[in-house]
Structures are given as C-alpha cells and as structure tokens.
Amino acid sequence: MSSLQGFEVVSPNTASGRSVLTVTKNYARLNKNAVLELGRPEFIEFFINPTTKQFAFKACEESNPNAIPFFIPGKTTASVTLNQQFVLDAMGPYFEFPEVEDDQEAYAQIKGTLLNSEDMLVFNAAKAEQGVMKKRGRKKGQKVKTSQE
C-alpha cells in the first residue's frame, strides 16, 4: 500500500457534474447527479413555485402524505424517471412542446441547484433549454425479434 500513499479513492457514488431535469410530454427524468445530490431517497416531495416558475424536489419519508416513490434500492440504473400523470400535468403548463415526427421527442432540459441548507434540489423552468431528440427503443410498427426467428 505504500505506493498508494497520498492517493484518495474516487467513489462512483460521489455527485459530479450538473444535476439535470429532462421533461417531455410523457416523463420527467432526473439524471444520476440529481439522484445522488438528493441522497437516493426512496420517496420525495415535489414542489412548484408558479411565481418564479421553479420546481423543487426534496427527500421525505414514506409516511408523508405527499410522498412520491422515487429511488428503488438495488436498482442498477442511476437516473430516475417520474411518469406519474399528476407530475406531468403540474409541469406541462410551463413548456410548449412542438409537434414532432413519430420517431422524435420534444424535450426541455433544466440545470438544477442544490440548496444544502434545505436538502432541496431546485430547477428554474424559465431557464429551460428546449430541443428535439430521437426516440430511443423500439419504434412504432417495428417487429421484435424472437429466439425462433
């Protein structure tokens, strides 16, 4: 171990980079960094400030009446997708998504700020960057290959 004297271990569980919230008509996704900054909570509260056009996420207990299931322990993916209709309905009015082709998806991306004093992650919808991306996964009408083919 003497050859490692002065070195520090770099943990893959350390938040690095920017926390990003991606919103589409069908889902809201928090990236790995956002999940790590929130502390990988199993449940979160979701807040909206209509005056400042900000969204906020804060870890909470399951017993909280406003608790939303969030991170599943043992899950291998690092990002978390929220597709509950009430979340999408609450975020929807803050974005105007253009009509796009079937193989594309309009999105809004927002960089977040961690408020350490309140353990809350805040995203300003007014500063969202909007765009169009290719859809991932199987396309409409595409056959799924089976092992018998």
N, C-alpha and C. Protein backbone atom coordinates (compact mmCIF):
# COMPACT_ATOMS: atom_id res chain seq x y z
N MET A 1 0.81 -1.20 0.00
CA MET A 1 0.00 0.00 0.00
C MET A 1 0.85 1.26 0.00
N SER A 2 2.15 1.16 0.25
CA SER A 2 2.98 2.36 0.32
C SER A 2 3.03 3.09 -1.02
N SER A 3 2.83 2.37 -2.12
CA SER A 3 2.84 3.04 -3.43
C SER A 3 1.59 3.90 -3.63
N LEU A 4 0.56 3.69 -2.80
CA LEU A 4 -0.66 4.49 -2.90
C LEU A 4 -0.71 5.60 -1.84
N GLN A 5 0.40 5.81 -1.16
CA GLN A 5 0.43 6.84 -0.12
C GLN A 5 0.14 8.21 -0.75
N GLY A 6 -0.77 8.94 -0.15
CA GLY A 6 -1.15 10.26 -0.65
C GLY A 6 -2.32 10.23 -1.62
N PHE A 7 -2.70 9.04 -2.11
CA PHE A 7 -3.83 8.93 -3.03
C PHE A 7 -5.13 8.83 -2.25
N GLU A 8 -6.21 9.27 -2.85
CA GLU A 8 -7.54 9.12 -2.28
C GLU A 8 -8.41 8.35 -3.26
N VAL A 9 -9.27 7.50 -2.73
CA VAL A 9 -10.18 6.72 -3.57
C VAL A 9 -11.24 7.66 -4.15
N VAL A 10 -11.53 7.50 -5.43
CA VAL A 10 -12.59 8.27 -6.08
C VAL A 10 -13.81 7.35 -6.16
N SER A 11 -14.86 7.73 -5.47
CA SER A 11 -16.05 6.89 -5.38
C SER A 11 -17.00 7.15 -6.55
N PRO A 12 -17.54 6.07 -7.13
CA PRO A 12 -18.54 6.26 -8.20
C PRO A 12 -19.86 6.79 -7.66
N ASN A 13 -20.00 6.80 -6.34
CA ASN A 13 -21.24 7.28 -5.71
C ASN A 13 -21.16 8.74 -5.31
N THR A 14 -20.14 9.44 -5.79
CA THR A 14 -19.99 10.86 -5.50
C THR A 14 -20.62 11.66 -6.63
N ALA A 15 -21.41 12.65 -6.26
CA ALA A 15 -22.03 13.51 -7.28
C ALA A 15 -20.96 14.34 -7.97
N SER A 16 -20.99 14.34 -9.29
CA SER A 16 -20.07 15.17 -10.07
C SER A 16 -20.82 15.65 -11.31
N GLY A 17 -20.48 16.81 -11.77
CA GLY A 17 -21.20 17.35 -12.92
C GLY A 17 -22.42 18.13 -12.47
N ARG A 18 -23.38 18.27 -13.37
CA ARG A 18 -24.57 19.07 -13.10
C ARG A 18 -25.79 18.18 -12.92
N SER A 19 -26.66 18.60 -12.05
CA SER A 19 -27.95 17.94 -11.90
C SER A 19 -28.85 18.46 -13.01
N VAL A 20 -29.50 17.54 -13.72
CA VAL A 20 -30.33 17.92 -14.86
C VAL A 20 -31.69 17.24 -14.77
N LEU A 21 -32.73 18.01 -15.03
CA LEU A 21 -34.10 17.51 -15.13
C LEU A 21 -34.49 17.62 -16.59
N THR A 22 -34.88 16.49 -17.19
CA THR A 22 -35.35 16.48 -18.57
C THR A 22 -36.85 16.20 -18.55
N VAL A 23 -37.62 17.08 -19.19
CA VAL A 23 -39.08 16.97 -19.19
C VAL A 23 -39.56 16.78 -20.63
N THR A 24 -40.44 15.80 -20.84
CA THR A 24 -41.12 15.61 -22.12
C THR A 24 -42.62 15.53 -21.81
N LYS A 25 -43.43 15.30 -22.83
CA LYS A 25 -44.87 15.14 -22.60
C LYS A 25 -45.17 13.87 -21.81
N ASN A 26 -44.24 12.88 -21.88
CA ASN A 26 -44.51 11.57 -21.29
C ASN A 26 -43.77 11.27 -19.99
N TYR A 27 -42.74 12.03 -19.67
CA TYR A 27 -41.98 11.74 -18.45
C TYR A 27 -41.14 12.94 -18.03
N ALA A 28 -40.69 12.88 -16.78
CA ALA A 28 -39.70 13.82 -16.24
C ALA A 28 -38.58 12.94 -15.69
N ARG A 29 -37.35 13.18 -16.11
CA ARG A 29 -36.23 12.34 -15.69
C ARG A 29 -35.16 13.17 -15.00
N LEU A 30 -34.77 12.71 -13.82
CA LEU A 30 -33.66 13.32 -13.09
C LEU A 30 -32.41 12.48 -13.36
N ASN A 31 -31.31 13.12 -13.76
CA ASN A 31 -30.11 12.38 -14.09
C ASN A 31 -29.41 11.84 -12.84
N LYS A 32 -28.36 11.06 -13.06
CA LYS A 32 -27.63 10.40 -11.97
C LYS A 32 -27.18 11.42 -10.92
N ASN A 33 -26.64 12.53 -11.36
CA ASN A 33 -26.13 13.51 -10.42
C ASN A 33 -27.24 14.07 -9.53
N ALA A 34 -28.41 14.31 -10.10
CA ALA A 34 -29.54 14.81 -9.32
C ALA A 34 -29.96 13.79 -8.26
N VAL A 35 -30.01 12.53 -8.65
CA VAL A 35 -30.39 11.46 -7.71
C VAL A 35 -29.38 11.38 -6.57
N LEU A 36 -28.09 11.47 -6.91
CA LEU A 36 -27.04 11.41 -5.88
C LEU A 36 -27.10 12.63 -4.96
N GLU A 37 -27.33 13.82 -5.53
CA GLU A 37 -27.41 15.02 -4.70
C GLU A 37 -28.58 14.97 -3.72
N LEU A 38 -29.66 14.32 -4.13
CA LEU A 38 -30.80 14.17 -3.22
C LEU A 38 -30.56 13.07 -2.19
N GLY A 39 -29.51 12.27 -2.38
CA GLY A 39 -29.19 11.21 -1.43
C GLY A 39 -29.89 9.89 -1.72
N ARG A 40 -30.31 9.68 -2.96
CA ARG A 40 -31.01 8.45 -3.37
C ARG A 40 -32.19 8.11 -2.45
N PRO A 41 -33.07 9.05 -2.21
CA PRO A 41 -34.19 8.76 -1.31
C PRO A 41 -35.21 7.84 -1.97
N GLU A 42 -35.87 7.04 -1.16
CA GLU A 42 -36.92 6.17 -1.69
C GLU A 42 -38.18 6.97 -2.02
N PHE A 43 -38.34 8.11 -1.34
CA PHE A 43 -39.51 8.96 -1.56
C PHE A 43 -39.10 10.42 -1.59
N ILE A 44 -39.81 11.20 -2.40
CA ILE A 44 -39.55 12.64 -2.48
C ILE A 44 -40.86 13.41 -2.42
N GLU A 45 -40.75 14.69 -2.12
CA GLU A 45 -41.85 15.62 -2.26
C GLU A 45 -41.53 16.47 -3.48
N PHE A 46 -42.56 16.86 -4.22
CA PHE A 46 -42.40 17.67 -5.41
C PHE A 46 -43.11 19.00 -5.17
N PHE A 47 -42.40 20.11 -5.40
CA PHE A 47 -42.94 21.45 -5.17
C PHE A 47 -42.89 22.26 -6.45
N ILE A 48 -43.84 23.19 -6.61
CA ILE A 48 -43.81 24.13 -7.73
C ILE A 48 -44.04 25.53 -7.17
N ASN A 49 -43.24 26.48 -7.65
CA ASN A 49 -43.46 27.89 -7.32
C ASN A 49 -43.92 28.55 -8.62
N PRO A 50 -45.24 28.78 -8.78
CA PRO A 50 -45.76 29.34 -10.03
C PRO A 50 -45.26 30.75 -10.32
N THR A 51 -44.94 31.51 -9.29
CA THR A 51 -44.46 32.88 -9.47
C THR A 51 -43.07 32.91 -10.10
N THR A 52 -42.17 32.08 -9.57
CA THR A 52 -40.78 32.06 -10.08
C THR A 52 -40.57 31.00 -11.15
N LYS A 53 -41.60 30.19 -11.42
CA LYS A 53 -41.53 29.10 -12.39
C LYS A 53 -40.40 28.13 -12.04
N GLN A 54 -40.41 27.71 -10.78
CA GLN A 54 -39.39 26.77 -10.31
C GLN A 54 -40.03 25.48 -9.81
N PHE A 55 -39.31 24.38 -10.03
CA PHE A 55 -39.68 23.07 -9.49
C PHE A 55 -38.66 22.73 -8.43
N ALA A 56 -39.09 22.02 -7.39
CA ALA A 56 -38.15 21.59 -6.35
C ALA A 56 -38.48 20.16 -5.94
N PHE A 57 -37.43 19.43 -5.60
CA PHE A 57 -37.56 18.06 -5.12
C PHE A 57 -36.83 17.96 -3.79
N LYS A 58 -37.47 17.28 -2.84
CA LYS A 58 -36.88 17.13 -1.51
C LYS A 58 -37.18 15.73 -1.00
N ALA A 59 -36.17 15.08 -0.42
CA ALA A 59 -36.37 13.75 0.15
C ALA A 59 -37.37 13.82 1.29
N CYS A 60 -38.16 12.76 1.44
CA CYS A 60 -39.12 12.70 2.54
C CYS A 60 -39.34 11.25 2.95
N GLU A 61 -40.11 11.06 3.98
CA GLU A 61 -40.44 9.73 4.47
C GLU A 61 -41.68 9.20 3.74
N GLU A 62 -41.80 7.89 3.72
CA GLU A 62 -42.96 7.25 3.08
C GLU A 62 -44.26 7.69 3.74
N SER A 63 -44.21 7.99 5.03
CA SER A 63 -45.42 8.38 5.77
C SER A 63 -45.93 9.77 5.40
N ASN A 64 -45.12 10.56 4.69
CA ASN A 64 -45.54 11.89 4.26
C ASN A 64 -46.71 11.75 3.28
N PRO A 65 -47.82 12.46 3.49
CA PRO A 65 -48.97 12.32 2.59
C PRO A 65 -48.68 12.75 1.14
N ASN A 66 -47.62 13.53 0.93
CA ASN A 66 -47.26 13.99 -0.41
C ASN A 66 -46.09 13.20 -1.00
N ALA A 67 -45.73 12.08 -0.37
CA ALA A 67 -44.58 11.29 -0.81
C ALA A 67 -44.82 10.67 -2.19
N ILE A 68 -43.81 10.79 -3.04
CA ILE A 68 -43.83 10.19 -4.38
C ILE A 68 -42.73 9.14 -4.40
N PRO A 69 -43.04 7.89 -4.80
CA PRO A 69 -41.98 6.88 -4.90
C PRO A 69 -40.88 7.38 -5.83
N PHE A 70 -39.62 7.20 -5.42
CA PHE A 70 -38.51 7.77 -6.18
C PHE A 70 -37.46 6.71 -6.50
N PHE A 71 -36.49 6.53 -5.64
CA PHE A 71 -35.37 5.62 -5.93
C PHE A 71 -35.66 4.25 -5.35
N ILE A 72 -35.45 3.21 -6.16
CA ILE A 72 -35.66 1.84 -5.72
C ILE A 72 -34.32 1.26 -5.31
N PRO A 73 -34.13 0.92 -4.02
CA PRO A 73 -32.85 0.36 -3.59
C PRO A 73 -32.51 -0.90 -4.39
N GLY A 74 -31.25 -1.04 -4.75
CA GLY A 74 -30.81 -2.20 -5.53
C GLY A 74 -30.97 -2.02 -7.03
N LYS A 75 -31.59 -0.94 -7.44
CA LYS A 75 -31.80 -0.66 -8.86
C LYS A 75 -30.46 -0.36 -9.52
N THR A 76 -30.25 -0.87 -10.72
CA THR A 76 -28.96 -0.69 -11.38
C THR A 76 -28.85 0.61 -12.16
N THR A 77 -29.96 1.17 -12.62
CA THR A 77 -29.87 2.43 -13.35
C THR A 77 -29.74 3.58 -12.36
N ALA A 78 -29.03 4.60 -12.77
CA ALA A 78 -28.72 5.70 -11.86
C ALA A 78 -29.74 6.83 -11.93
N SER A 79 -30.35 7.06 -13.10
CA SER A 79 -31.33 8.13 -13.22
C SER A 79 -32.69 7.64 -12.73
N VAL A 80 -33.59 8.58 -12.48
CA VAL A 80 -34.94 8.22 -12.04
C VAL A 80 -35.94 8.91 -12.96
N THR A 81 -36.90 8.14 -13.44
CA THR A 81 -37.95 8.67 -14.32
C THR A 81 -39.26 8.76 -13.55
N LEU A 82 -39.85 9.93 -13.58
CA LEU A 82 -41.16 10.15 -12.98
C LEU A 82 -42.18 10.22 -14.12
N ASN A 83 -43.14 9.32 -14.12
CA ASN A 83 -44.15 9.36 -15.17
C ASN A 83 -45.56 9.37 -14.59
N GLN A 84 -45.67 9.76 -13.33
CA GLN A 84 -46.99 9.89 -12.73
C GLN A 84 -47.71 11.06 -13.41
N GLN A 85 -48.96 10.85 -13.77
CA GLN A 85 -49.70 11.84 -14.53
C GLN A 85 -49.81 13.18 -13.80
N PHE A 86 -49.98 13.16 -12.49
CA PHE A 86 -50.12 14.43 -11.75
C PHE A 86 -48.83 15.25 -11.80
N VAL A 87 -47.67 14.59 -11.87
CA VAL A 87 -46.39 15.30 -12.01
C VAL A 87 -46.31 15.94 -13.39
N LEU A 88 -46.66 15.17 -14.42
CA LEU A 88 -46.62 15.68 -15.80
C LEU A 88 -47.63 16.81 -16.00
N ASP A 89 -48.81 16.66 -15.41
CA ASP A 89 -49.83 17.71 -15.52
C ASP A 89 -49.38 18.99 -14.82
N ALA A 90 -48.68 18.86 -13.72
CA ALA A 90 -48.20 20.03 -12.98
C ALA A 90 -47.09 20.75 -13.74
N MET A 91 -46.22 20.01 -14.41
CA MET A 91 -45.10 20.60 -15.15
C MET A 91 -45.51 21.10 -16.53
N GLY A 92 -46.48 20.47 -17.14
CA GLY A 92 -46.87 20.74 -18.51
C GLY A 92 -47.09 22.20 -18.88
N PRO A 93 -47.81 22.98 -18.09
CA PRO A 93 -48.09 24.37 -18.46
C PRO A 93 -46.84 25.26 -18.58
N TYR A 94 -45.72 24.81 -18.08
CA TYR A 94 -44.50 25.63 -18.11
C TYR A 94 -43.69 25.45 -19.39
N PHE A 95 -44.16 24.56 -20.27
CA PHE A 95 -43.42 24.29 -21.51
C PHE A 95 -44.37 24.24 -22.70
N GLU A 96 -43.86 24.64 -23.86
CA GLU A 96 -44.60 24.49 -25.11
C GLU A 96 -43.79 23.56 -25.99
N PHE A 97 -44.26 22.31 -26.09
CA PHE A 97 -43.55 21.33 -26.89
C PHE A 97 -44.08 21.36 -28.32
N PRO A 98 -43.20 21.48 -29.32
CA PRO A 98 -43.66 21.49 -30.71
C PRO A 98 -44.11 20.10 -31.16
N GLU A 99 -44.93 20.06 -32.19
CA GLU A 99 -45.30 18.78 -32.80
C GLU A 99 -44.06 18.23 -33.50
N VAL A 100 -43.80 16.94 -33.33
CA VAL A 100 -42.61 16.32 -33.93
C VAL A 100 -42.99 15.02 -34.63
N GLU A 101 -42.06 14.50 -35.42
CA GLU A 101 -42.27 13.23 -36.12
C GLU A 101 -42.44 12.10 -35.10
N ASP A 102 -42.97 10.95 -35.56
CA ASP A 102 -43.20 9.81 -34.67
C ASP A 102 -41.91 9.28 -34.04
N ASP A 103 -40.78 9.42 -34.75
CA ASP A 103 -39.52 8.88 -34.22
C ASP A 103 -38.73 9.92 -33.43
N GLN A 104 -39.37 11.05 -33.11
CA GLN A 104 -38.71 12.11 -32.35
C GLN A 104 -39.51 12.46 -31.10
N GLU A 105 -38.84 13.17 -30.20
CA GLU A 105 -39.49 13.59 -28.96
C GLU A 105 -39.00 14.98 -28.59
N ALA A 106 -39.94 15.89 -28.34
CA ALA A 106 -39.59 17.25 -27.89
C ALA A 106 -39.30 17.19 -26.40
N TYR A 107 -38.32 17.98 -25.96
CA TYR A 107 -37.94 17.96 -24.55
C TYR A 107 -37.53 19.34 -24.07
N ALA A 108 -37.48 19.47 -22.76
CA ALA A 108 -36.93 20.66 -22.10
C ALA A 108 -35.94 20.15 -21.07
N GLN A 109 -34.76 20.77 -21.03
CA GLN A 109 -33.73 20.38 -20.06
C GLN A 109 -33.43 21.55 -19.15
N ILE A 110 -33.37 21.27 -17.85
CA ILE A 110 -33.14 22.32 -16.86
C ILE A 110 -32.00 21.89 -15.94
N LYS A 111 -31.04 22.77 -15.75
CA LYS A 111 -29.96 22.50 -14.80
C LYS A 111 -30.45 22.88 -13.41
N GLY A 112 -30.10 22.05 -12.42
CA GLY A 112 -30.58 22.25 -11.07
C GLY A 112 -29.54 22.84 -10.13
N THR A 113 -30.02 23.34 -9.01
CA THR A 113 -29.18 23.89 -7.96
C THR A 113 -29.56 23.23 -6.65
N LEU A 114 -28.57 22.68 -5.95
CA LEU A 114 -28.82 22.06 -4.65
C LEU A 114 -28.78 23.13 -3.57
N LEU A 115 -29.86 23.23 -2.81
CA LEU A 115 -29.90 24.13 -1.66
C LEU A 115 -29.53 23.29 -0.44
N ASN A 116 -28.25 23.30 -0.09
CA ASN A 116 -27.75 22.47 1.01
C ASN A 116 -28.48 22.72 2.32
N SER A 117 -28.82 23.98 2.57
CA SER A 117 -29.46 24.33 3.84
C SER A 117 -30.81 23.64 4.01
N GLU A 118 -31.44 23.29 2.89
CA GLU A 118 -32.76 22.66 2.95
C GLU A 118 -32.78 21.28 2.32
N ASP A 119 -31.62 20.77 1.89
CA ASP A 119 -31.54 19.47 1.21
C ASP A 119 -32.57 19.37 0.09
N MET A 120 -32.65 20.42 -0.70
CA MET A 120 -33.64 20.51 -1.76
C MET A 120 -32.95 20.82 -3.08
N LEU A 121 -33.41 20.18 -4.14
CA LEU A 121 -32.88 20.42 -5.48
C LEU A 121 -33.90 21.26 -6.23
N VAL A 122 -33.45 22.42 -6.76
CA VAL A 122 -34.36 23.38 -7.39
C VAL A 122 -34.01 23.54 -8.87
N PHE A 123 -35.04 23.56 -9.72
CA PHE A 123 -34.89 23.72 -11.16
C PHE A 123 -35.74 24.90 -11.61
N ASN A 124 -35.15 25.81 -12.37
CA ASN A 124 -35.85 27.00 -12.85
C ASN A 124 -36.36 26.75 -14.27
N ALA A 125 -37.67 26.53 -14.41
CA ALA A 125 -38.26 26.22 -15.71
C ALA A 125 -38.10 27.36 -16.71
N ALA A 126 -37.98 28.58 -16.21
CA ALA A 126 -37.81 29.74 -17.09
C ALA A 126 -36.47 29.70 -17.82
N LYS A 127 -35.51 28.93 -17.30
CA LYS A 127 -34.19 28.83 -17.92
C LYS A 127 -34.00 27.50 -18.67
N ALA A 128 -35.09 26.84 -18.98
CA ALA A 128 -35.02 25.55 -19.67
C ALA A 128 -34.50 25.72 -21.10
N GLU A 129 -33.70 24.74 -21.53
CA GLU A 129 -33.26 24.67 -22.92
C GLU A 129 -34.12 23.62 -23.60
N GLN A 130 -34.79 24.01 -24.67
CA GLN A 130 -35.69 23.08 -25.34
C GLN A 130 -35.09 22.59 -26.64
N GLY A 131 -35.50 21.38 -27.03
CA GLY A 131 -35.00 20.79 -28.26
C GLY A 131 -35.81 19.58 -28.66
N VAL A 132 -35.30 18.87 -29.66
CA VAL A 132 -35.94 17.66 -30.17
C VAL A 132 -34.88 16.58 -30.24
N MET A 133 -35.22 15.37 -29.77
CA MET A 133 -34.28 14.26 -29.82
C MET A 133 -34.94 13.06 -30.48
N LYS A 134 -34.12 12.14 -30.94
CA LYS A 134 -34.63 10.89 -31.49
C LYS A 134 -35.16 10.05 -30.34
N LYS A 135 -36.27 9.35 -30.57
CA LYS A 135 -36.78 8.45 -29.55
C LYS A 135 -35.86 7.25 -29.45
N ARG A 136 -35.76 6.72 -28.26
CA ARG A 136 -34.95 5.53 -28.05
C ARG A 136 -35.86 4.32 -27.97
N GLY A 137 -35.28 3.15 -28.21
CA GLY A 137 -36.06 1.93 -28.07
C GLY A 137 -36.76 1.55 -29.36
N ARG A 138 -37.68 0.60 -29.23
CA ARG A 138 -38.40 0.06 -30.37
C ARG A 138 -39.32 1.11 -30.97
N LYS A 139 -39.34 1.18 -32.29
CA LYS A 139 -40.17 2.15 -33.00
C LYS A 139 -41.55 1.56 -33.28
N LYS A 140 -42.52 2.42 -33.50
CA LYS A 140 -43.88 2.01 -33.83
C LYS A 140 -43.87 1.09 -35.04
N GLY A 141 -44.55 -0.04 -34.93
CA GLY A 141 -44.66 -0.95 -36.06
C GLY A 141 -43.44 -1.83 -36.28
N GLN A 142 -42.41 -1.67 -35.47
CA GLN A 142 -41.20 -2.48 -35.63
C GLN A 142 -41.41 -3.81 -34.92
N LYS A 143 -41.04 -4.90 -35.60
CA LYS A 143 -41.20 -6.22 -35.01
C LYS A 143 -40.07 -6.48 -34.03
N VAL A 144 -40.41 -7.21 -32.99
CA VAL A 144 -39.42 -7.62 -32.01
C VAL A 144 -38.90 -8.99 -32.44
N LYS A 145 -37.58 -9.13 -32.53
CA LYS A 145 -37.00 -10.42 -32.91
C LYS A 145 -37.15 -11.40 -31.76
N THR A 146 -37.58 -12.60 -32.09
CA THR A 146 -37.68 -13.64 -31.07
C THR A 146 -36.58 -14.66 -31.31
N SER A 147 -36.36 -15.52 -30.36
CA SER A 147 -35.29 -16.51 -30.48
C SER A 147 -35.60 -17.55 -31.56
N GLN A 148 -36.87 -17.64 -32.01
CA GLN A 148 -37.23 -18.61 -33.03
C GLN A 148 -37.02 -18.08 -34.44
N GLU A 149 -36.75 -16.78 -34.59
CA GLU A 149 -36.56 -16.20 -35.93
C GLU A 149 -35.16 -16.42 -36.40
